[in-house]
Every structure is written in C-alpha cells, then in structure tokens.
Amino acid sequence: MSSSKQRVEVKHRYNASPEAVWEIYVDHAKWSEWAGVGPSRLVTEGSPDRNGVGAVRGFSAGTLEEVLSFDAPKRMTYTLVGGLFPIKNHLGEVTLAAD
C-alpha cells in the first residue's frame, strides 16, 4: 500500500484586520452562522482560551476537529479526530496576516 499526501491551500482577502477575522474564525460554536457547514458546536473547551489548544469543534456530519496550536491572532493548527471521513494524519493550518 502506498501512502500519498495531499495539500489544499486556500487564500482569501478580507476587508478587516487579522484580529477581527480571528475573533470570528475561532468562535467554533458560531461557524453555522457564516461558514455554510450546517450546525456547529464547541464539544470540548480548550485552555487557557476556550477555543484554543485542546478545544474540539463538532460539525453536522459528525466531524470532530481538535485544536493543536493557537497563536492568536495569527496562526492555529488542528487535526481531524472523528467523523465520517477516513482521513489519517490530517493537519489543518490557518494563518492570518495583514497586507
């Protein structure tokens, strides 16, 4: 069995500061209001920030993602820890920077 890696990169510009975008992005329970992912919830709070390291966010398809690093307001990493998708060794990274 061969292993393969896939990389997906999405870039987007917002007419807002990284700090303002960060506050919306890391509010996991409110993703259903703007992200088009269906119902979302904060399953487990992180520490010391409730949306930070250790936080688990849940989505409608049973997908669960755990926050691995949380460097407000510029970088967060997360991994898939449950759900319907058979993905292994997943690492998501979100970075925000001003133009």
PDB file of N, CA and C in Angstrom:
ATOM      1  N   MET A   1       0.850  -1.170   0.000  1.00  0.00           N
ATOM      2  CA  MET A   1       0.000   0.000   0.000  1.00  0.00           C
ATOM      3  C   MET A   1       0.898   1.236   0.000  1.00  0.00           C
ATOM      4  N   SER A   2       0.637   2.132  -0.908  1.00  0.00           N
ATOM      5  CA  SER A   2       1.433   3.368  -0.958  1.00  0.00           C
ATOM      6  C   SER A   2       0.730   4.474  -0.191  1.00  0.00           C
ATOM      7  N   SER A   3       1.538   5.349   0.339  1.00  0.00           N
ATOM      8  CA  SER A   3       0.949   6.492   1.041  1.00  0.00           C
ATOM      9  C   SER A   3       1.105   7.717   0.162  1.00  0.00           C
ATOM     10  N   SER A   4       0.118   8.562   0.186  1.00  0.00           N
ATOM     11  CA  SER A   4       0.191   9.786  -0.595  1.00  0.00           C
ATOM     12  C   SER A   4      -0.275  10.937   0.269  1.00  0.00           C
ATOM     13  N   LYS A   5       0.273  12.086  -0.021  1.00  0.00           N
ATOM     14  CA  LYS A   5      -0.111  13.283   0.715  1.00  0.00           C
ATOM     15  C   LYS A   5      -0.803  14.230  -0.236  1.00  0.00           C
ATOM     16  N   GLN A   6      -1.784  14.905   0.289  1.00  0.00           N
ATOM     17  CA  GLN A   6      -2.469  15.926  -0.487  1.00  0.00           C
ATOM     18  C   GLN A   6      -2.343  17.236   0.256  1.00  0.00           C
ATOM     19  N   ARG A   7      -2.237  18.302  -0.491  1.00  0.00           N
ATOM     20  CA  ARG A   7      -2.152  19.628   0.103  1.00  0.00           C
ATOM     21  C   ARG A   7      -3.218  20.491  -0.561  1.00  0.00           C
ATOM     22  N   VAL A   8      -4.001  21.140   0.273  1.00  0.00           N
ATOM     23  CA  VAL A   8      -5.015  22.058  -0.215  1.00  0.00           C
ATOM     24  C   VAL A   8      -4.697  23.417   0.379  1.00  0.00           C
ATOM     25  N   GLU A   9      -4.621  24.420  -0.465  1.00  0.00           N
ATOM     26  CA  GLU A   9      -4.323  25.768   0.018  1.00  0.00           C
ATOM     27  C   GLU A   9      -5.385  26.724  -0.505  1.00  0.00           C
ATOM     28  N   VAL A  10      -5.933  27.504   0.400  1.00  0.00           N
ATOM     29  CA  VAL A  10      -6.953  28.484   0.049  1.00  0.00           C
ATOM     30  C   VAL A  10      -6.482  29.831   0.580  1.00  0.00           C
ATOM     31  N   LYS A  11      -6.515  30.826  -0.275  1.00  0.00           N
ATOM     32  CA  LYS A  11      -6.164  32.177   0.155  1.00  0.00           C
ATOM     33  C   LYS A  11      -7.364  33.073  -0.060  1.00  0.00           C
ATOM     34  N   HIS A  12      -7.569  33.969   0.884  1.00  0.00           N
ATOM     35  CA  HIS A  12      -8.690  34.895   0.772  1.00  0.00           C
ATOM     36  C   HIS A  12      -8.304  36.212   1.427  1.00  0.00           C
ATOM     37  N   ARG A  13      -8.756  37.299   0.841  1.00  0.00           N
ATOM     38  CA  ARG A  13      -8.535  38.622   1.430  1.00  0.00           C
ATOM     39  C   ARG A  13      -9.836  39.114   2.035  1.00  0.00           C
ATOM     40  N   TYR A  14      -9.720  39.661   3.228  1.00  0.00           N
ATOM     41  CA  TYR A  14     -10.862  40.239   3.919  1.00  0.00           C
ATOM     42  C   TYR A  14     -10.625  41.717   4.115  1.00  0.00           C
ATOM     43  N   ASN A  15     -11.690  42.464   4.091  1.00  0.00           N
ATOM     44  CA  ASN A  15     -11.608  43.895   4.345  1.00  0.00           C
ATOM     45  C   ASN A  15     -11.759  44.124   5.855  1.00  0.00           C
ATOM     46  N   ALA A  16     -10.844  43.511   6.606  1.00  0.00           N
ATOM     47  CA  ALA A  16     -10.863  43.590   8.069  1.00  0.00           C
ATOM     48  C   ALA A  16      -9.459  43.250   8.565  1.00  0.00           C
ATOM     49  N   SER A  17      -9.194  43.627   9.781  1.00  0.00           N
ATOM     50  CA  SER A  17      -7.886  43.323  10.369  1.00  0.00           C
ATOM     51  C   SER A  17      -7.779  41.835  10.692  1.00  0.00           C
ATOM     52  N   PRO A  18      -6.556  41.307  10.775  1.00  0.00           N
ATOM     53  CA  PRO A  18      -6.401  39.909  11.193  1.00  0.00           C
ATOM     54  C   PRO A  18      -7.064  39.645  12.548  1.00  0.00           C
ATOM     55  N   GLU A  19      -7.009  40.610  13.455  1.00  0.00           N
ATOM     56  CA  GLU A  19      -7.611  40.436  14.771  1.00  0.00           C
ATOM     57  C   GLU A  19      -9.127  40.258  14.678  1.00  0.00           C
ATOM     58  N   ALA A  20      -9.767  41.043  13.823  1.00  0.00           N
ATOM     59  CA  ALA A  20     -11.218  40.945  13.660  1.00  0.00           C
ATOM     60  C   ALA A  20     -11.614  39.611  13.014  1.00  0.00           C
ATOM     61  N   VAL A  21     -10.859  39.189  12.005  1.00  0.00           N
ATOM     62  CA  VAL A  21     -11.142  37.909  11.349  1.00  0.00           C
ATOM     63  C   VAL A  21     -10.908  36.762  12.324  1.00  0.00           C
ATOM     64  N   TRP A  22      -9.839  36.852  13.091  1.00  0.00           N
ATOM     65  CA  TRP A  22      -9.507  35.815  14.079  1.00  0.00           C
ATOM     66  C   TRP A  22     -10.652  35.590  15.065  1.00  0.00           C
ATOM     67  N   GLU A  23     -11.205  36.670  15.593  1.00  0.00           N
ATOM     68  CA  GLU A  23     -12.277  36.555  16.585  1.00  0.00           C
ATOM     69  C   GLU A  23     -13.485  35.812  16.032  1.00  0.00           C
ATOM     70  N   ILE A  24     -13.782  36.018  14.773  1.00  0.00           N
ATOM     71  CA  ILE A  24     -14.900  35.311  14.148  1.00  0.00           C
ATOM     72  C   ILE A  24     -14.520  33.859  13.856  1.00  0.00           C
ATOM     73  N   TYR A  25     -13.337  33.652  13.295  1.00  0.00           N
ATOM     74  CA  TYR A  25     -12.909  32.306  12.898  1.00  0.00           C
ATOM     75  C   TYR A  25     -12.810  31.348  14.083  1.00  0.00           C
ATOM     76  N   VAL A  26     -12.259  31.797  15.197  1.00  0.00           N
ATOM     77  CA  VAL A  26     -12.033  30.868  16.318  1.00  0.00           C
ATOM     78  C   VAL A  26     -13.254  30.684  17.218  1.00  0.00           C
ATOM     79  N   ASP A  27     -14.346  31.347  16.923  1.00  0.00           N
ATOM     80  CA  ASP A  27     -15.570  31.118  17.691  1.00  0.00           C
ATOM     81  C   ASP A  27     -16.276  29.902  17.077  1.00  0.00           C
ATOM     82  N   HIS A  28     -15.773  28.707  17.418  1.00  0.00           N
ATOM     83  CA  HIS A  28     -16.194  27.461  16.773  1.00  0.00           C
ATOM     84  C   HIS A  28     -17.692  27.220  16.834  1.00  0.00           C
ATOM     85  N   ALA A  29     -18.315  27.585  17.924  1.00  0.00           N
ATOM     86  CA  ALA A  29     -19.751  27.336  18.095  1.00  0.00           C
ATOM     87  C   ALA A  29     -20.599  28.149  17.118  1.00  0.00           C
ATOM     88  N   LYS A  30     -20.049  29.225  16.583  1.00  0.00           N
ATOM     89  CA  LYS A  30     -20.826  30.083  15.678  1.00  0.00           C
ATOM     90  C   LYS A  30     -20.514  29.876  14.197  1.00  0.00           C
ATOM     91  N   TRP A  31     -19.759  28.826  13.865  1.00  0.00           N
ATOM     92  CA  TRP A  31     -19.457  28.572  12.461  1.00  0.00           C
ATOM     93  C   TRP A  31     -20.724  28.406  11.625  1.00  0.00           C
ATOM     94  N   SER A  32     -21.771  27.849  12.201  1.00  0.00           N
ATOM     95  CA  SER A  32     -23.004  27.625  11.445  1.00  0.00           C
ATOM     96  C   SER A  32     -23.619  28.937  10.973  1.00  0.00           C
ATOM     97  N   GLU A  33     -23.247  30.044  11.590  1.00  0.00           N
ATOM     98  CA  GLU A  33     -23.796  31.349  11.197  1.00  0.00           C
ATOM     99  C   GLU A  33     -23.135  31.918   9.943  1.00  0.00           C
ATOM    100  N   TRP A  34     -21.929  31.463   9.598  1.00  0.00           N
ATOM    101  CA  TRP A  34     -21.233  32.093   8.475  1.00  0.00           C
ATOM    102  C   TRP A  34     -20.497  31.128   7.539  1.00  0.00           C
ATOM    103  N   ALA A  35     -20.184  29.914   7.979  1.00  0.00           N
ATOM    104  CA  ALA A  35     -19.299  29.055   7.195  1.00  0.00           C
ATOM    105  C   ALA A  35     -20.008  28.092   6.252  1.00  0.00           C
ATOM    106  N   GLY A  36     -21.330  27.990   6.342  1.00  0.00           N
ATOM    107  CA  GLY A  36     -22.048  27.084   5.449  1.00  0.00           C
ATOM    108  C   GLY A  36     -21.771  25.620   5.729  1.00  0.00           C
ATOM    109  N   VAL A  37     -21.485  25.271   6.985  1.00  0.00           N
ATOM    110  CA  VAL A  37     -21.158  23.888   7.336  1.00  0.00           C
ATOM    111  C   VAL A  37     -22.270  23.191   8.105  1.00  0.00           C
ATOM    112  N   GLY A  38     -23.420  23.819   8.180  1.00  0.00           N
ATOM    113  CA  GLY A  38     -24.503  23.240   8.981  1.00  0.00           C
ATOM    114  C   GLY A  38     -24.249  23.521  10.445  1.00  0.00           C
ATOM    115  N   PRO A  39     -24.967  22.823  11.310  1.00  0.00           N
ATOM    116  CA  PRO A  39     -24.794  23.063  12.743  1.00  0.00           C
ATOM    117  C   PRO A  39     -23.349  22.836  13.199  1.00  0.00           C
ATOM    118  N   SER A  40     -22.889  23.691  14.084  1.00  0.00           N
ATOM    119  CA  SER A  40     -21.547  23.571  14.657  1.00  0.00           C
ATOM    120  C   SER A  40     -21.651  23.770  16.156  1.00  0.00           C
ATOM    121  N   ARG A  41     -20.665  23.233  16.862  1.00  0.00           N
ATOM    122  CA  ARG A  41     -20.692  23.370  18.320  1.00  0.00           C
ATOM    123  C   ARG A  41     -19.280  23.228  18.870  1.00  0.00           C
ATOM    124  N   LEU A  42     -19.085  23.751  20.036  1.00  0.00           N
ATOM    125  CA  LEU A  42     -17.849  23.542  20.770  1.00  0.00           C
ATOM    126  C   LEU A  42     -18.089  22.347  21.674  1.00  0.00           C
ATOM    127  N   VAL A  43     -17.448  21.219  21.364  1.00  0.00           N
ATOM    128  CA  VAL A  43     -17.668  19.971  22.088  1.00  0.00           C
ATOM    129  C   VAL A  43     -16.875  19.961  23.394  1.00  0.00           C
ATOM    130  N   THR A  44     -15.633  20.391  23.316  1.00  0.00           N
ATOM    131  CA  THR A  44     -14.736  20.435  24.475  1.00  0.00           C
ATOM    132  C   THR A  44     -14.030  21.775  24.475  1.00  0.00           C
ATOM    133  N   GLU A  45     -13.979  22.435  25.611  1.00  0.00           N
ATOM    134  CA  GLU A  45     -13.273  23.708  25.700  1.00  0.00           C
ATOM    135  C   GLU A  45     -11.769  23.478  25.778  1.00  0.00           C
ATOM    136  N   GLY A  46     -11.036  24.422  25.180  1.00  0.00           N
ATOM    137  CA  GLY A  46      -9.585  24.396  25.245  1.00  0.00           C
ATOM    138  C   GLY A  46      -9.095  25.153  26.469  1.00  0.00           C
ATOM    139  N   SER A  47      -7.766  25.312  26.551  1.00  0.00           N
ATOM    140  CA  SER A  47      -7.182  26.009  27.689  1.00  0.00           C
ATOM    141  C   SER A  47      -5.889  26.688  27.249  1.00  0.00           C
ATOM    142  N   PRO A  48      -5.587  27.888  27.682  1.00  0.00           N
ATOM    143  CA  PRO A  48      -6.403  28.679  28.595  1.00  0.00           C
ATOM    144  C   PRO A  48      -7.577  29.368  27.889  1.00  0.00           C
ATOM    145  N   ASP A  49      -7.548  29.488  26.570  1.00  0.00           N
ATOM    146  CA  ASP A  49      -8.665  30.070  25.816  1.00  0.00           C
ATOM    147  C   ASP A  49      -9.657  28.957  25.497  1.00  0.00           C
ATOM    148  N   ARG A  50     -10.926  29.180  25.700  1.00  0.00           N
ATOM    149  CA  ARG A  50     -11.925  28.126  25.482  1.00  0.00           C
ATOM    150  C   ARG A  50     -11.922  27.594  24.053  1.00  0.00           C
ATOM    151  N   ASN A  51     -11.497  28.422  23.072  1.00  0.00           N
ATOM    152  CA  ASN A  51     -11.430  27.989  21.677  1.00  0.00           C
ATOM    153  C   ASN A  51     -10.011  27.603  21.267  1.00  0.00           C
ATOM    154  N   GLY A  52      -9.085  27.549  22.231  1.00  0.00           N
ATOM    155  CA  GLY A  52      -7.671  27.304  21.950  1.00  0.00           C
ATOM    156  C   GLY A  52      -7.272  25.846  22.029  1.00  0.00           C
ATOM    157  N   VAL A  53      -6.009  25.623  22.386  1.00  0.00           N
ATOM    158  CA  VAL A  53      -5.424  24.279  22.406  1.00  0.00           C
ATOM    159  C   VAL A  53      -6.299  23.324  23.227  1.00  0.00           C
ATOM    160  N   GLY A  54      -6.614  22.193  22.612  1.00  0.00           N
ATOM    161  CA  GLY A  54      -7.443  21.183  23.259  1.00  0.00           C
ATOM    162  C   GLY A  54      -8.924  21.308  22.951  1.00  0.00           C
ATOM    163  N   ALA A  55      -9.335  22.453  22.398  1.00  0.00           N
ATOM    164  CA  ALA A  55     -10.744  22.619  22.029  1.00  0.00           C
ATOM    165  C   ALA A  55     -11.097  21.620  20.931  1.00  0.00           C
ATOM    166  N   VAL A  56     -12.292  21.055  21.027  1.00  0.00           N
ATOM    167  CA  VAL A  56     -12.791  20.164  19.984  1.00  0.00           C
ATOM    168  C   VAL A  56     -14.057  20.796  19.437  1.00  0.00           C
ATOM    169  N   ARG A  57     -14.061  21.017  18.128  1.00  0.00           N
ATOM    170  CA  ARG A  57     -15.242  21.585  17.468  1.00  0.00           C
ATOM    171  C   ARG A  57     -15.927  20.492  16.677  1.00  0.00           C
ATOM    172  N   GLY A  58     -17.255  20.514  16.695  1.00  0.00           N
ATOM    173  CA  GLY A  58     -18.026  19.488  16.025  1.00  0.00           C
ATOM    174  C   GLY A  58     -18.919  20.087  14.957  1.00  0.00           C
ATOM    175  N   PHE A  59     -19.094  19.339  13.876  1.00  0.00           N
ATOM    176  CA  PHE A  59     -19.916  19.780  12.761  1.00  0.00           C
ATOM    177  C   PHE A  59     -21.000  18.758  12.470  1.00  0.00           C
ATOM    178  N   SER A  60     -21.967  19.146  11.645  1.00  0.00           N
ATOM    179  CA  SER A  60     -23.177  18.356  11.426  1.00  0.00           C
ATOM    180  C   SER A  60     -22.940  16.943  10.912  1.00  0.00           C
ATOM    181  N   ALA A  61     -21.917  16.714  10.136  1.00  0.00           N
ATOM    182  CA  ALA A  61     -21.681  15.376   9.579  1.00  0.00           C
ATOM    183  C   ALA A  61     -20.940  14.477  10.574  1.00  0.00           C
ATOM    184  N   GLY A  62     -20.884  14.892  11.830  1.00  0.00           N
ATOM    185  CA  GLY A  62     -20.180  14.105  12.834  1.00  0.00           C
ATOM    186  C   GLY A  62     -18.692  14.364  12.865  1.00  0.00           C
ATOM    187  N   THR A  63     -18.232  15.295  12.051  1.00  0.00           N
ATOM    188  CA  THR A  63     -16.808  15.619  12.016  1.00  0.00           C
ATOM    189  C   THR A  63     -16.391  16.314  13.302  1.00  0.00           C
ATOM    190  N   LEU A  64     -15.271  15.866  13.849  1.00  0.00           N
ATOM    191  CA  LEU A  64     -14.708  16.476  15.040  1.00  0.00           C
ATOM    192  C   LEU A  64     -13.270  16.888  14.745  1.00  0.00           C
ATOM    193  N   GLU A  65     -12.915  18.116  15.093  1.00  0.00           N
ATOM    194  CA  GLU A  65     -11.565  18.627  14.893  1.00  0.00           C
ATOM    195  C   GLU A  65     -11.034  19.160  16.220  1.00  0.00           C
ATOM    196  N   GLU A  66      -9.785  18.839  16.510  1.00  0.00           N
ATOM    197  CA  GLU A  66      -9.158  19.297  17.750  1.00  0.00           C
ATOM    198  C   GLU A  66      -8.083  20.333  17.448  1.00  0.00           C
ATOM    199  N   VAL A  67      -8.101  21.428  18.190  1.00  0.00           N
ATOM    200  CA  VAL A  67      -7.113  22.494  18.033  1.00  0.00           C
ATOM    201  C   VAL A  67      -5.794  22.036  18.665  1.00  0.00           C
ATOM    202  N   LEU A  68      -4.725  22.092  17.866  1.00  0.00           N
ATOM    203  CA  LEU A  68      -3.401  21.659  18.328  1.00  0.00           C
ATOM    204  C   LEU A  68      -2.523  22.822  18.760  1.00  0.00           C
ATOM    205  N   SER A  69      -2.609  23.933  18.035  1.00  0.00           N
ATOM    206  CA  SER A  69      -1.841  25.126  18.407  1.00  0.00           C
ATOM    207  C   SER A  69      -2.728  26.338  18.197  1.00  0.00           C
ATOM    208  N   PHE A  70      -2.432  27.383  18.960  1.00  0.00           N
ATOM    209  CA  PHE A  70      -3.319  28.548  18.982  1.00  0.00           C
ATOM    210  C   PHE A  70      -2.467  29.764  19.305  1.00  0.00           C
ATOM    211  N   ASP A  71      -2.054  30.478  18.265  1.00  0.00           N
ATOM    212  CA  ASP A  71      -1.192  31.648  18.419  1.00  0.00           C
ATOM    213  C   ASP A  71      -1.963  32.875  17.936  1.00  0.00           C
ATOM    214  N   ALA A  72      -2.853  33.369  18.807  1.00  0.00           N
ATOM    215  CA  ALA A  72      -3.731  34.491  18.447  1.00  0.00           C
ATOM    216  C   ALA A  72      -2.907  35.745  18.188  1.00  0.00           C
ATOM    217  N   PRO A  73      -3.289  36.524  17.215  1.00  0.00           N
ATOM    218  CA  PRO A  73      -4.337  36.344  16.206  1.00  0.00           C
ATOM    219  C   PRO A  73      -3.776  35.940  14.847  1.00  0.00           C
ATOM    220  N   LYS A  74      -2.754  35.093  14.836  1.00  0.00           N
ATOM    221  CA  LYS A  74      -2.138  34.831  13.538  1.00  0.00           C
ATOM    222  C   LYS A  74      -2.088  33.385  13.066  1.00  0.00           C
ATOM    223  N   ARG A  75      -2.131  32.398  13.957  1.00  0.00           N
ATOM    224  CA  ARG A  75      -1.979  31.020  13.472  1.00  0.00           C
ATOM    225  C   ARG A  75      -2.678  30.035  14.404  1.00  0.00           C
ATOM    226  N   MET A  76      -3.319  29.049  13.777  1.00  0.00           N
ATOM    227  CA  MET A  76      -3.946  27.962  14.510  1.00  0.00           C
ATOM    228  C   MET A  76      -3.790  26.690  13.682  1.00  0.00           C
ATOM    229  N   THR A  77      -3.512  25.569  14.358  1.00  0.00           N
ATOM    230  CA  THR A  77      -3.488  24.282  13.662  1.00  0.00           C
ATOM    231  C   THR A  77      -4.505  23.365  14.331  1.00  0.00           C
ATOM    232  N   TYR A  78      -4.990  22.410  13.550  1.00  0.00           N
ATOM    233  CA  TYR A  78      -5.990  21.479  14.055  1.00  0.00           C
ATOM    234  C   TYR A  78      -5.874  20.154  13.321  1.00  0.00           C
ATOM    235  N   THR A  79      -6.465  19.126  13.902  1.00  0.00           N
ATOM    236  CA  THR A  79      -6.463  17.814  13.270  1.00  0.00           C
ATOM    237  C   THR A  79      -7.853  17.195  13.366  1.00  0.00           C
ATOM    238  N   LEU A  80      -8.139  16.305  12.462  1.00  0.00           N
ATOM    239  CA  LEU A  80      -9.403  15.578  12.450  1.00  0.00           C
ATOM    240  C   LEU A  80      -9.313  14.446  13.476  1.00  0.00           C
ATOM    241  N   VAL A  81     -10.261  14.407  14.401  1.00  0.00           N
ATOM    242  CA  VAL A  81     -10.243  13.366  15.439  1.00  0.00           C
ATOM    243  C   VAL A  81     -11.482  12.473  15.409  1.00  0.00           C
ATOM    244  N   GLY A  82     -12.399  12.713  14.498  1.00  0.00           N
ATOM    245  CA  GLY A  82     -13.570  11.857  14.399  1.00  0.00           C
ATOM    246  C   GLY A  82     -14.481  12.301  13.284  1.00  0.00           C
ATOM    247  N   GLY A  83     -15.270  11.366  12.819  1.00  0.00           N
ATOM    248  CA  GLY A  83     -16.232  11.703  11.783  1.00  0.00           C
ATOM    249  C   GLY A  83     -16.348  10.633  10.734  1.00  0.00           C
ATOM    250  N   LEU A  84     -17.068  10.962   9.680  1.00  0.00           N
ATOM    251  CA  LEU A  84     -17.353  10.009   8.617  1.00  0.00           C
ATOM    252  C   LEU A  84     -16.233   9.870   7.596  1.00  0.00           C
ATOM    253  N   PHE A  85     -15.316  10.816   7.574  1.00  0.00           N
ATOM    254  CA  PHE A  85     -14.271  10.815   6.556  1.00  0.00           C
ATOM    255  C   PHE A  85     -13.070   9.994   7.017  1.00  0.00           C
ATOM    256  N   PRO A  86     -12.629   9.029   6.226  1.00  0.00           N
ATOM    257  CA  PRO A  86     -11.494   8.184   6.611  1.00  0.00           C
ATOM    258  C   PRO A  86     -10.156   8.870   6.303  1.00  0.00           C
ATOM    259  N   ILE A  87      -9.879   9.952   6.986  1.00  0.00           N
ATOM    260  CA  ILE A  87      -8.650  10.710   6.759  1.00  0.00           C
ATOM    261  C   ILE A  87      -7.717  10.456   7.934  1.00  0.00           C
ATOM    262  N   LYS A  88      -6.462  10.119   7.627  1.00  0.00           N
ATOM    263  CA  LYS A  88      -5.472   9.890   8.670  1.00  0.00           C
ATOM    264  C   LYS A  88      -4.363  10.929   8.530  1.00  0.00           C
ATOM    265  N   ASN A  89      -3.745  11.245   9.631  1.00  0.00           N
ATOM    266  CA  ASN A  89      -2.619  12.182   9.652  1.00  0.00           C
ATOM    267  C   ASN A  89      -2.985  13.534   9.066  1.00  0.00           C
ATOM    268  N   HIS A  90      -4.182  13.991   9.348  1.00  0.00           N
ATOM    269  CA  HIS A  90      -4.658  15.280   8.849  1.00  0.00           C
ATOM    270  C   HIS A  90      -4.080  16.409   9.693  1.00  0.00           C
ATOM    271  N   LEU A  91      -3.607  17.453   9.041  1.00  0.00           N
ATOM    272  CA  LEU A  91      -3.164  18.652   9.741  1.00  0.00           C
ATOM    273  C   LEU A  91      -3.700  19.859   8.986  1.00  0.00           C
ATOM    274  N   GLY A  92      -4.528  20.638   9.652  1.00  0.00           N
ATOM    275  CA  GLY A  92      -5.032  21.877   9.082  1.00  0.00           C
ATOM    276  C   GLY A  92      -4.301  23.045   9.708  1.00  0.00           C
ATOM    277  N   GLU A  93      -4.031  24.040   8.921  1.00  0.00           N
ATOM    278  CA  GLU A  93      -3.350  25.236   9.430  1.00  0.00           C
ATOM    279  C   GLU A  93      -4.039  26.467   8.873  1.00  0.00           C
ATOM    280  N   VAL A  94      -4.311  27.424   9.747  1.00  0.00           N
ATOM    281  CA  VAL A  94      -4.896  28.683   9.354  1.00  0.00           C
ATOM    282  C   VAL A  94      -3.931  29.772   9.793  1.00  0.00           C
ATOM    283  N   THR A  95      -3.548  30.618   8.856  1.00  0.00           N
ATOM    284  CA  THR A  95      -2.686  31.750   9.178  1.00  0.00           C
ATOM    285  C   THR A  95      -3.342  33.032   8.696  1.00  0.00           C
ATOM    286  N   LEU A  96      -3.225  34.065   9.484  1.00  0.00           N
ATOM    287  CA  LEU A  96      -3.780  35.378   9.137  1.00  0.00           C
ATOM    288  C   LEU A  96      -2.652  36.401   9.201  1.00  0.00           C
ATOM    289  N   ALA A  97      -2.632  37.289   8.215  1.00  0.00           N
ATOM    290  CA  ALA A  97      -1.629  38.349   8.180  1.00  0.00           C
ATOM    291  C   ALA A  97      -2.200  39.559   7.464  1.00  0.00           C
ATOM    292  N   ALA A  98      -1.783  40.711   7.887  1.00  0.00           N
ATOM    293  CA  ALA A  98      -2.213  41.944   7.214  1.00  0.00           C
ATOM    294  C   ALA A  98      -1.486  42.070   5.880  1.00  0.00           C
ATOM    295  N   ASP A  99      -2.129  42.728   4.916  1.00  0.00           N
ATOM    296  CA  ASP A  99      -1.461  43.010   3.637  1.00  0.00           C
ATOM    297  C   ASP A  99      -0.310  43.955   3.865  1.00  0.00           C
TER     298      ASP A  99
END
